[in-house]
Amino acid sequence: MTSDFNAELHARPSIYFAGPAFVEHIAVMHADQSRQHGAVALESGDDGIRTQIEHHTEFVTITRVTKIEQNPSAWPALSLGLSEVSALAAIESPQLICRLGILVLGSPPSELGPTLSMFDFADTAASSIGGGAAQVCSDFRVRSDFSSRVLLFNNDLNAYRLGRMVRRICEIETYRSMALLGLPEARRLAPHLKDFDSKLVELTNRNQNLPATEHKQLLDEISTLSARIISETARTRNRFGATSAYAKIVEERISELRESHVSGFQRFGVFVARRFKPAVRTCEATALRLEQLSHAAMHLLDLLQTRIQVEIEYQNAVQIQAMAERAATQVKIQRAVEGFSVIAISYYLLSLMKFVVETADHAGYHLSPLVMLGSIPVVVVAVAAAIFRVKHALGARE
């Protein structure tokens, strides 16, 4: 584990060189993110050409340094193409991200205009960098061969500082291009976000006005909208996250240049930032809008579910109240039935007693009417007591 950490510290070595040189830098995308990260340096004979291959998480960069004469009259031709990149980095069908040519010369001339015109520079940005140790110029235009050009005039940078400075410029261009990969996604999402917004407003208004009994269709529509938003968020989260991370690296590398103003020119870092930051902020704003829409849709879904739950609880309460009222009515009916039962049973028993008394009277056994009259309360009390005991026994068993 410790060796892995130590290797990571040395995974991005600079290419050290001195004197006039032409630096070619190319970055390509690859699909295999399980590649071993790090750098491989290749020497090419005795002609002073050095090539370095670096494997990153999403892309591969190849940097080639070729020594040249002091004052070239034309911009050197690029020798590093996609076919060679594919062979060197072992990548099938590489996707070009950026291609940069850096012409490193001696001290800057007193007048930059003629030199810039000679190399076909227009609307150039220039800065004194490294505390005045060098000067960088670029117009950031992409030529027909998909390359951009940078002029670097070296005042007193040694081989180590010059290599690091060139590396920073290459990283600014590479990470700027990688960060901008999120911009097409942001543009693609723009009409969808507008549709999501309007649909969310419509559903919110319907939730306020729709009767709770018609909630099913509304619930389905909100769930569908939430799923669409979550799908887009998951699809673009990595890209927008990478854009933010790459943008921070670009800002760090620009600050490491330690720029100062060159009279008559816009600063190199300012030119990059003014045209780069709006795109990054567009990606960040799109990611934020997606997150806010996701939260809003989930909140609306929670509100509707709460409303449905409250309605269900209210209906349950009404049903429970109705059941309680029916139970109370049944109790009253039962008590009434019990009272009628006492009367009916008592009447039946008294009828039997009357039949017995009449039969005994015909048989010659005369009973006093007071006996029959006195038996009435006794029978009624006995029947009521019996029914009460039976009811009490059933209640105890339950």
Protein backbone atom coordinates (compact mmCIF):
# COMPACT_ATOMS: atom_id res chain seq x y z
CA MET A 1 0.00 0.00 0.00
CA THR A 2 2.81 2.43 0.92
CA SER A 3 4.61 1.66 -2.33
CA ASP A 4 1.43 2.49 -4.27
CA PHE A 5 1.21 5.87 -2.54
CA ASN A 6 4.86 6.57 -3.24
CA ALA A 7 4.45 5.59 -6.90
CA GLU A 8 1.56 8.02 -7.23
CA LEU A 9 3.83 10.86 -6.12
CA HIS A 10 6.11 10.18 -9.09
CA ALA A 11 3.44 9.22 -11.63
CA ARG A 12 3.59 12.53 -13.56
CA PRO A 13 7.26 13.40 -14.17
CA SER A 14 8.10 16.47 -16.25
CA ILE A 15 10.09 16.40 -19.46
CA TYR A 16 13.24 18.39 -18.82
CA PHE A 17 14.94 20.06 -21.77
CA ALA A 18 16.86 23.21 -22.63
CA GLY A 19 17.27 25.38 -25.70
CA PRO A 20 14.90 25.94 -28.61
CA ALA A 21 12.49 23.07 -29.09
CA PHE A 22 9.14 22.17 -30.51
CA VAL A 23 6.78 20.41 -28.09
CA GLU A 24 3.87 18.41 -29.43
CA HIS A 25 1.15 17.43 -26.97
CA ILE A 26 -1.91 15.35 -27.78
CA ALA A 27 -4.67 13.99 -25.50
CA VAL A 28 -7.08 11.23 -26.50
CA MET A 29 -9.97 9.53 -24.75
CA HIS A 30 -10.02 5.84 -23.98
CA ALA A 31 -12.80 3.57 -22.71
CA ASP A 32 -10.71 1.32 -20.45
CA GLN A 33 -10.60 3.02 -17.03
CA SER A 34 -8.91 0.00 -15.45
CA ARG A 35 -5.58 0.89 -17.06
CA GLN A 36 -2.55 1.33 -14.85
CA HIS A 37 -1.96 5.06 -14.37
CA GLY A 38 1.47 6.58 -14.74
CA ALA A 39 4.00 7.76 -17.29
CA VAL A 40 6.36 6.05 -19.73
CA ALA A 41 9.27 7.96 -21.26
CA LEU A 42 10.66 6.91 -24.66
CA GLU A 43 13.93 8.12 -26.18
CA SER A 44 14.24 8.17 -29.95
CA GLY A 45 17.84 7.71 -31.03
CA ASP A 46 20.44 10.49 -30.99
CA ASP A 47 18.27 13.13 -32.65
CA GLY A 48 17.18 14.66 -29.34
CA ILE A 49 13.55 13.57 -29.62
CA ARG A 50 11.90 12.47 -26.42
CA THR A 51 8.35 11.14 -26.11
CA GLN A 52 6.41 10.68 -22.88
CA ILE A 53 3.14 8.73 -22.57
CA GLU A 54 0.87 9.31 -19.57
CA HIS A 55 -2.21 7.25 -18.71
CA HIS A 56 -4.94 9.10 -16.80
CA THR A 57 -8.35 7.95 -15.59
CA GLU A 58 -10.29 9.04 -18.68
CA PHE A 59 -7.62 9.90 -21.20
CA VAL A 60 -4.06 9.38 -22.38
CA THR A 61 -1.59 12.13 -23.19
CA ILE A 62 1.51 11.89 -25.35
CA THR A 63 4.11 14.66 -25.26
CA ARG A 64 7.03 14.83 -27.71
CA VAL A 65 9.95 17.25 -27.49
CA THR A 66 12.04 17.88 -30.61
CA LYS A 67 15.04 20.20 -30.64
CA ILE A 68 15.05 22.81 -33.41
CA GLU A 69 17.15 25.66 -34.73
CA GLN A 70 17.18 28.97 -32.90
CA ASN A 71 15.01 31.09 -35.21
CA PRO A 72 12.66 29.06 -37.44
CA SER A 73 10.98 31.03 -40.19
CA ALA A 74 7.79 28.95 -40.16
CA TRP A 75 5.78 26.95 -37.68
CA PRO A 76 7.14 23.38 -37.47
CA ALA A 77 5.02 20.61 -38.89
CA LEU A 78 3.29 18.28 -36.46
CA SER A 79 4.65 14.76 -36.57
CA LEU A 80 2.50 13.14 -33.89
CA GLY A 81 -0.73 11.78 -35.37
CA LEU A 82 -3.59 9.66 -34.12
CA SER A 83 -2.26 6.52 -35.78
CA GLU A 84 1.04 6.82 -33.93
CA VAL A 85 -0.80 7.68 -30.71
CA SER A 86 -2.90 4.54 -31.12
CA ALA A 87 0.23 2.44 -31.56
CA LEU A 88 2.22 4.04 -28.73
CA ALA A 89 -0.63 4.03 -26.17
CA ALA A 90 -2.18 0.74 -27.33
CA ILE A 91 -5.59 2.34 -27.87
CA GLU A 92 -8.04 1.33 -30.56
CA SER A 93 -9.90 4.19 -32.30
CA PRO A 94 -8.67 6.98 -30.01
CA GLN A 95 -10.94 10.03 -29.69
CA LEU A 96 -9.03 13.30 -30.00
CA ILE A 97 -9.48 15.70 -27.08
CA CYS A 98 -6.86 18.32 -27.79
CA ARG A 99 -3.73 18.81 -29.86
CA LEU A 100 -1.19 21.44 -28.93
CA GLY A 101 2.05 22.67 -30.43
CA ILE A 102 4.41 24.72 -28.24
CA LEU A 103 7.31 26.47 -29.93
CA VAL A 104 9.99 27.23 -27.35
CA LEU A 105 12.40 29.99 -28.42
CA GLY A 106 14.96 32.24 -26.77
CA SER A 107 14.39 35.68 -25.30
CA PRO A 108 11.33 37.52 -26.64
CA PRO A 109 11.84 40.20 -29.30
CA SER A 110 11.31 43.83 -28.44
CA GLU A 111 8.26 43.87 -30.73
CA LEU A 112 6.01 40.79 -30.66
CA GLY A 113 3.86 41.85 -33.62
CA PRO A 114 6.12 40.73 -36.50
CA THR A 115 6.89 37.38 -34.86
CA LEU A 116 3.22 36.69 -34.17
CA SER A 117 2.31 37.60 -37.74
CA MET A 118 5.03 35.32 -39.09
CA PHE A 119 3.52 32.38 -37.22
CA ASP A 120 -0.06 33.32 -38.19
CA PHE A 121 -1.22 34.40 -34.73
CA ALA A 122 -4.30 36.63 -34.45
CA ASP A 123 -6.00 38.21 -31.42
CA THR A 124 -3.16 36.98 -29.28
CA ALA A 125 -3.07 36.79 -25.49
CA ALA A 126 0.37 37.15 -23.88
CA SER A 127 1.77 37.09 -20.36
CA SER A 128 5.08 37.27 -18.63
CA ILE A 129 5.25 34.12 -16.49
CA GLY A 130 7.49 32.60 -13.84
CA GLY A 131 8.26 35.99 -12.32
CA GLY A 132 9.47 37.36 -15.68
CA ALA A 133 11.57 34.30 -16.52
CA ALA A 134 9.54 33.55 -19.66
CA GLN A 135 6.79 34.88 -21.89
CA VAL A 136 3.85 32.90 -23.29
CA CYS A 137 1.66 33.82 -26.28
CA SER A 138 -1.34 32.10 -27.84
CA ASP A 139 -4.40 32.96 -29.90
CA PHE A 140 -6.22 29.74 -28.83
CA ARG A 141 -7.43 29.14 -32.38
CA VAL A 142 -7.86 25.57 -33.56
CA ARG A 143 -6.33 25.09 -37.02
CA SER A 144 -7.43 22.76 -39.78
CA ASP A 145 -5.28 19.98 -38.30
CA PHE A 146 -7.22 20.36 -34.99
CA SER A 147 -4.21 21.84 -33.24
CA SER A 148 -3.68 25.07 -31.33
CA ARG A 149 -0.40 26.97 -31.05
CA VAL A 150 1.57 28.45 -28.16
CA LEU A 151 4.75 30.52 -28.35
CA LEU A 152 7.01 30.34 -25.31
CA PHE A 153 9.99 32.71 -25.07
CA ASN A 154 12.53 31.61 -22.50
CA ASN A 155 14.49 34.32 -20.71
CA ASP A 156 16.34 32.44 -17.98
CA LEU A 157 14.45 29.25 -17.16
CA ASN A 158 16.76 26.28 -16.66
CA ALA A 159 15.89 22.85 -18.07
CA TYR A 160 13.92 21.80 -15.00
CA ARG A 161 11.84 24.97 -14.70
CA LEU A 162 11.29 25.10 -18.46
CA GLY A 163 9.99 21.51 -18.48
CA ARG A 164 7.63 22.23 -15.60
CA MET A 165 6.39 25.41 -17.27
CA VAL A 166 5.69 23.58 -20.53
CA ARG A 167 3.92 20.86 -18.57
CA ARG A 168 1.65 23.44 -16.91
CA ILE A 169 0.71 24.92 -20.29
CA CYS A 170 -0.06 21.45 -21.66
CA GLU A 171 -2.17 20.62 -18.61
CA ILE A 172 -4.11 23.88 -18.92
CA GLU A 173 -5.08 22.99 -22.47
CA THR A 174 -5.77 19.31 -21.70
CA TYR A 175 -7.86 19.82 -18.59
CA ARG A 176 -9.66 22.78 -20.17
CA SER A 177 -10.71 20.52 -23.06
CA MET A 178 -11.69 17.69 -20.71
CA ALA A 179 -13.74 20.07 -18.56
CA LEU A 180 -15.63 21.30 -21.62
CA LEU A 181 -16.85 17.77 -22.38
CA GLY A 182 -19.67 18.53 -19.95
CA LEU A 183 -20.90 21.49 -22.02
CA PRO A 184 -22.64 19.39 -24.74
CA GLU A 185 -24.47 17.53 -21.98
CA ALA A 186 -25.56 20.84 -20.43
CA ARG A 187 -26.82 22.06 -23.81
CA ARG A 188 -28.62 18.79 -24.43
CA LEU A 189 -30.34 19.04 -21.06
CA ALA A 190 -31.43 22.68 -21.46
CA PRO A 191 -34.78 21.95 -23.21
CA HIS A 192 -35.40 18.99 -20.90
CA LEU A 193 -34.90 21.16 -17.83
CA LYS A 194 -37.39 23.67 -19.17
CA ASP A 195 -39.87 20.86 -19.76
CA PHE A 196 -39.24 19.47 -16.26
CA ASP A 197 -39.83 22.91 -14.74
CA SER A 198 -43.13 23.51 -16.54
CA LYS A 199 -44.35 19.98 -15.83
CA LEU A 200 -43.48 20.35 -12.14
CA VAL A 201 -45.41 23.64 -11.91
CA GLU A 202 -48.42 22.03 -13.60
CA LEU A 203 -48.37 19.04 -11.25
CA THR A 204 -47.99 21.29 -8.22
CA ASN A 205 -51.05 23.32 -9.22
CA ARG A 206 -53.03 20.17 -9.86
CA ASN A 207 -52.04 18.84 -6.47
CA GLN A 208 -53.49 21.96 -4.86
CA ASN A 209 -56.80 21.83 -6.73
CA LEU A 210 -57.39 18.16 -7.45
CA PRO A 211 -59.81 16.27 -5.17
CA ALA A 212 -58.12 13.65 -3.06
CA THR A 213 -60.33 10.99 -4.62
CA GLU A 214 -58.57 11.52 -8.00
CA HIS A 215 -55.02 11.20 -6.76
CA LYS A 216 -53.93 8.01 -8.55
CA GLN A 217 -53.26 9.54 -11.98
CA LEU A 218 -51.49 12.52 -10.41
CA LEU A 219 -49.33 10.18 -8.32
CA ASP A 220 -48.36 8.23 -11.44
CA GLU A 221 -47.41 11.41 -13.33
CA ILE A 222 -45.29 12.76 -10.47
CA SER A 223 -43.54 9.39 -10.13
CA THR A 224 -42.80 9.36 -13.88
CA LEU A 225 -41.39 12.90 -13.79
CA SER A 226 -39.25 12.10 -10.76
CA ALA A 227 -37.89 8.99 -12.48
CA ARG A 228 -36.95 11.02 -15.59
CA ILE A 229 -35.13 13.62 -13.51
CA ILE A 230 -33.28 10.97 -11.49
CA SER A 231 -32.31 9.18 -14.71
CA GLU A 232 -30.81 12.35 -16.20
CA THR A 233 -29.06 13.14 -12.92
CA ALA A 234 -27.47 9.70 -12.77
CA ARG A 235 -26.50 9.89 -16.45
CA THR A 236 -24.68 13.23 -16.14
CA ARG A 237 -23.42 13.17 -12.54
CA ASN A 238 -19.98 11.79 -13.40
CA ARG A 239 -19.50 14.12 -16.37
CA PHE A 240 -20.46 17.26 -14.46
CA GLY A 241 -18.40 16.13 -11.47
CA ALA A 242 -15.39 15.66 -13.74
CA THR A 243 -15.98 19.10 -15.27
CA SER A 244 -15.84 20.70 -11.83
CA ALA A 245 -12.69 18.79 -10.87
CA TYR A 246 -10.89 19.58 -14.15
CA ALA A 247 -11.86 23.26 -13.88
CA LYS A 248 -10.20 23.47 -10.47
CA ILE A 249 -7.01 21.96 -11.92
CA VAL A 250 -7.04 24.54 -14.73
CA GLU A 251 -7.38 27.36 -12.19
CA GLU A 252 -4.51 25.93 -10.14
CA ARG A 253 -2.24 25.61 -13.17
CA ILE A 254 -2.98 29.18 -14.28
CA SER A 255 -2.13 30.48 -10.81
CA GLU A 256 1.12 28.48 -10.89
CA LEU A 257 2.20 30.40 -14.02
CA ARG A 258 2.61 33.54 -11.85
CA GLU A 259 1.51 35.82 -14.66
CA SER A 260 2.22 39.49 -15.09
CA HIS A 261 0.93 41.89 -17.74
CA VAL A 262 2.56 42.37 -21.16
CA SER A 263 1.85 45.81 -22.57
CA GLY A 264 -0.72 45.76 -25.36
CA PHE A 265 -1.93 42.22 -24.77
CA GLN A 266 -4.56 40.50 -22.70
CA ARG A 267 -3.12 38.13 -20.15
CA PHE A 268 -2.95 34.44 -21.08
CA GLY A 269 -4.76 33.25 -17.95
CA VAL A 270 -7.41 35.95 -18.15
CA PHE A 271 -8.17 34.98 -21.75
CA VAL A 272 -8.60 31.34 -20.73
CA ALA A 273 -10.68 32.15 -17.65
CA ARG A 274 -13.07 34.57 -19.36
CA ARG A 275 -13.95 32.07 -22.07
CA PHE A 276 -13.67 28.96 -19.95
CA LYS A 277 -15.47 29.82 -16.72
CA PRO A 278 -18.87 30.58 -18.31
CA ALA A 279 -18.95 27.07 -19.80
CA VAL A 280 -17.98 25.53 -16.47
CA ARG A 281 -20.61 27.59 -14.67
CA THR A 282 -23.19 26.45 -17.21
CA CYS A 283 -22.38 22.84 -16.36
CA GLU A 284 -22.46 23.59 -12.62
CA ALA A 285 -25.78 25.43 -12.96
CA THR A 286 -27.25 22.54 -14.95
CA ALA A 287 -26.13 20.02 -12.32
CA LEU A 288 -27.58 22.24 -9.59
CA ARG A 289 -30.90 22.60 -11.44
CA LEU A 290 -31.12 18.85 -11.86
CA GLU A 291 -30.51 18.36 -8.15
CA GLN A 292 -33.08 21.02 -7.22
CA LEU A 293 -35.67 19.57 -9.60
CA SER A 294 -35.06 16.13 -8.14
CA HIS A 295 -35.60 17.44 -4.60
CA ALA A 296 -38.70 19.40 -5.69
CA ALA A 297 -40.24 16.38 -7.41
CA MET A 298 -39.56 14.17 -4.39
CA HIS A 299 -41.00 16.86 -2.10
CA LEU A 300 -44.15 17.10 -4.23
CA LEU A 301 -44.42 13.32 -4.18
CA ASP A 302 -44.12 13.34 -0.38
CA LEU A 303 -46.78 16.06 -0.12
CA LEU A 304 -49.20 14.09 -2.28
CA GLN A 305 -48.53 10.89 -0.35
CA THR A 306 -49.07 12.76 2.91
CA ARG A 307 -52.32 14.17 1.58
CA ILE A 308 -53.44 10.70 0.53
CA GLN A 309 -52.43 9.29 3.90
CA VAL A 310 -54.37 12.00 5.76
CA GLU A 311 -57.41 11.31 3.60
CA ILE A 312 -57.15 7.59 4.28
CA GLU A 313 -56.81 8.21 8.01
CA TYR A 314 -59.84 10.51 7.91
CA GLN A 315 -61.87 7.88 6.09
CA ASN A 316 -60.73 5.27 8.61
CA ALA A 317 -61.74 7.56 11.46
CA VAL A 318 -65.19 8.09 9.88
CA GLN A 319 -65.60 4.35 9.46
CA ILE A 320 -64.50 3.68 13.02
CA GLN A 321 -66.95 6.30 14.27
CA ALA A 322 -69.73 4.73 12.22
CA MET A 323 -68.84 1.30 13.59
CA ALA A 324 -68.86 2.68 17.13
CA GLU A 325 -72.28 4.21 16.56
CA ARG A 326 -73.58 0.93 15.12
CA ALA A 327 -72.15 -0.95 18.08
CA ALA A 328 -73.84 1.47 20.50
CA THR A 329 -77.11 1.02 18.64
CA GLN A 330 -76.70 -2.75 18.78
CA VAL A 331 -76.08 -2.55 22.52
CA LYS A 332 -79.25 -0.54 22.95
CA ILE A 333 -81.16 -3.00 20.79
CA GLN A 334 -79.68 -5.89 22.74
CA ARG A 335 -80.73 -4.32 26.02
CA ALA A 336 -84.20 -3.75 24.65
CA VAL A 337 -84.32 -7.35 23.45
CA GLU A 338 -83.19 -8.52 26.89
CA GLY A 339 -86.01 -6.53 28.48
CA PHE A 340 -88.51 -8.00 26.04
CA SER A 341 -87.03 -11.43 26.68
CA VAL A 342 -87.69 -11.07 30.44
CA ILE A 343 -91.27 -10.05 29.74
CA ALA A 344 -91.84 -12.79 27.16
CA ILE A 345 -90.34 -15.58 29.30
CA SER A 346 -92.16 -14.33 32.37
CA TYR A 347 -95.44 -14.21 30.42
CA TYR A 348 -94.81 -17.73 29.14
CA LEU A 349 -94.09 -19.08 32.65
CA LEU A 350 -97.11 -17.28 34.12
CA SER A 351 -99.27 -18.75 31.35
CA LEU A 352 -98.03 -22.19 32.29
CA MET A 353 -98.78 -21.49 35.96
CA LYS A 354 -102.29 -20.26 35.03
CA PHE A 355 -102.84 -23.46 33.05
CA VAL A 356 -101.73 -25.53 36.07
CA VAL A 357 -103.97 -23.56 38.43
CA GLU A 358 -107.02 -23.96 36.12
CA THR A 359 -106.31 -27.65 35.73
CA ALA A 360 -106.04 -28.07 39.52
CA ASP A 361 -109.29 -26.09 39.95
CA HIS A 362 -111.16 -28.49 37.61
CA ALA A 363 -109.66 -31.38 39.58
CA GLY A 364 -111.18 -30.00 42.78
CA TYR A 365 -108.10 -28.30 44.17
CA HIS A 366 -108.96 -24.65 44.66
CA LEU A 367 -106.06 -22.20 45.02
CA SER A 368 -106.41 -18.65 46.17
CA PRO A 369 -106.05 -15.96 43.44
CA LEU A 370 -103.51 -14.31 45.72
CA VAL A 371 -101.12 -17.20 45.01
CA MET A 372 -101.26 -16.43 41.32
CA LEU A 373 -100.93 -12.73 41.97
CA GLY A 374 -97.92 -13.18 44.26
CA SER A 375 -96.16 -15.45 41.83
CA ILE A 376 -95.99 -12.75 39.16
CA PRO A 377 -93.13 -10.65 40.74
CA VAL A 378 -91.34 -13.83 41.81
CA VAL A 379 -91.33 -15.19 38.24
CA VAL A 380 -90.25 -11.89 36.74
CA VAL A 381 -87.37 -11.50 39.23
CA ALA A 382 -86.28 -15.10 38.75
CA VAL A 383 -86.26 -14.78 34.95
CA ALA A 384 -84.35 -11.46 35.08
CA ALA A 385 -81.80 -12.95 37.49
CA ALA A 386 -81.32 -15.98 35.25
CA ILE A 387 -80.77 -13.85 32.14
CA PHE A 388 -78.34 -11.60 34.01
CA ARG A 389 -76.31 -14.62 35.20
CA VAL A 390 -76.17 -16.07 31.69
CA LYS A 391 -75.02 -12.69 30.25
CA HIS A 392 -72.41 -12.35 33.00
CA ALA A 393 -71.08 -15.87 32.33
CA LEU A 394 -70.78 -15.20 28.59
CA GLY A 395 -68.99 -11.87 29.23
CA ALA A 396 -66.52 -13.54 31.59
CA ARG A 397 -65.77 -16.24 29.00
CA GLU A 398 -65.06 -13.64 26.30
